[in-house]
Amino acid sequence: MGRLSSKEGASRLTPLQQRILGFIVERSTMGGGHAYCTKREIAEFMNCSAKSVDRAIVRLRSEGVIESHPRFNESGGQEGNSYRVAASE
């Protein structure tokens, strides 16, 4: 799979992937360009399983649509991820 352009990307993404992308876009406008959340929070908002969210995020990342980075608390435990829409080339 190659990187998706923005036009072809929207048409090749599943409805759930499109909804998750929209969620990340909306959250990132409130979070200074990053959406800070867990997959479980996304799943609850989307009314689907965390596994479905995980598969969708893996696809969005592999297609170069989003970037994600883990977030850790002071004791080193992972709290969630920081998601953002990848810069277009």
Protein backbone atom coordinates (compact mmCIF):
# COMPACT_ATOMS: atom_id res chain seq x y z
CA MET A 1 0.00 0.00 0.00
CA GLY A 2 1.30 3.41 -0.91
CA ARG A 3 0.50 6.75 0.61
CA LEU A 4 -2.90 8.15 -0.14
CA SER A 5 -3.41 11.57 -1.63
CA SER A 6 -6.14 13.53 0.14
CA LYS A 7 -8.61 13.03 -2.74
CA GLU A 8 -8.10 9.32 -3.23
CA GLY A 9 -7.65 8.79 0.50
CA ALA A 10 -11.18 9.84 1.38
CA SER A 11 -12.66 7.49 -1.20
CA ARG A 12 -10.50 4.48 -0.23
CA LEU A 13 -11.05 4.70 3.52
CA THR A 14 -13.81 2.72 5.17
CA PRO A 15 -16.65 4.64 6.81
CA LEU A 16 -15.16 3.93 10.26
CA GLN A 17 -11.72 5.11 9.16
CA GLN A 18 -13.28 8.30 7.80
CA ARG A 19 -15.15 8.87 11.08
CA ILE A 20 -11.99 8.31 13.13
CA LEU A 21 -10.07 10.70 10.89
CA GLY A 22 -12.80 13.30 11.41
CA PHE A 23 -12.65 12.72 15.17
CA ILE A 24 -8.87 13.25 15.14
CA VAL A 25 -9.24 16.41 13.04
CA GLU A 26 -11.90 17.80 15.40
CA ARG A 27 -9.96 16.92 18.55
CA SER A 28 -6.69 18.25 17.14
CA THR A 29 -8.21 21.68 16.55
CA MET A 30 -8.99 21.80 20.27
CA GLY A 31 -5.59 20.38 21.28
CA GLY A 32 -3.17 22.63 19.44
CA GLY A 33 -2.76 20.35 16.44
CA HIS A 34 -2.79 17.07 18.39
CA ALA A 35 -5.64 14.85 19.52
CA TYR A 36 -4.84 13.38 22.94
CA CYS A 37 -6.91 10.28 23.59
CA THR A 38 -6.94 6.53 24.05
CA LYS A 39 -8.25 3.99 21.57
CA ARG A 40 -10.88 3.08 24.15
CA GLU A 41 -12.11 6.70 24.24
CA ILE A 42 -12.32 6.75 20.45
CA ALA A 43 -14.17 3.41 20.48
CA GLU A 44 -16.71 4.67 23.02
CA PHE A 45 -17.30 7.82 20.99
CA MET A 46 -17.65 5.79 17.75
CA ASN A 47 -19.77 3.12 19.47
CA CYS A 48 -17.53 0.30 18.27
CA SER A 49 -14.88 -2.02 19.69
CA ALA A 50 -11.37 -0.90 20.62
CA LYS A 51 -10.08 -3.62 18.25
CA SER A 52 -11.95 -2.00 15.33
CA VAL A 53 -10.40 1.35 16.26
CA ASP A 54 -6.97 -0.28 16.49
CA ARG A 55 -7.30 -1.77 12.99
CA ALA A 56 -8.51 1.55 11.57
CA ILE A 57 -5.65 3.48 13.18
CA VAL A 58 -3.10 0.96 11.91
CA ARG A 59 -4.47 1.48 8.39
CA LEU A 60 -4.54 5.28 8.69
CA ARG A 61 -0.94 5.26 9.93
CA SER A 62 0.29 2.83 7.26
CA GLU A 63 -1.32 4.96 4.55
CA GLY A 64 0.41 8.07 5.92
CA VAL A 65 -2.86 9.80 6.76
CA ILE A 66 -2.17 10.22 10.49
CA GLU A 67 0.80 10.08 12.84
CA SER A 68 0.65 8.84 16.41
CA HIS A 69 3.00 9.01 19.35
CA PRO A 70 2.59 7.41 22.78
CA ARG A 71 2.07 9.63 25.82
CA PHE A 72 3.43 8.61 29.21
CA ASN A 73 2.70 9.74 32.76
CA GLU A 74 5.36 10.72 35.29
CA SER A 75 5.84 7.14 36.49
CA GLY A 76 6.40 5.88 32.93
CA GLY A 77 3.01 4.28 32.29
CA GLN A 78 1.39 4.90 28.94
CA GLU A 79 -1.68 7.13 29.20
CA GLY A 80 -2.76 7.11 25.58
CA ASN A 81 -1.57 8.52 22.31
CA SER A 82 -1.17 11.81 20.58
CA TYR A 83 -2.67 11.70 17.08
CA ARG A 84 -2.39 14.27 14.33
CA VAL A 85 -3.12 14.45 10.65
CA ALA A 86 0.10 13.90 8.73
CA ALA A 87 1.45 16.82 6.76
CA SER A 88 0.72 16.44 3.05
CA GLU A 89 3.68 16.38 0.73
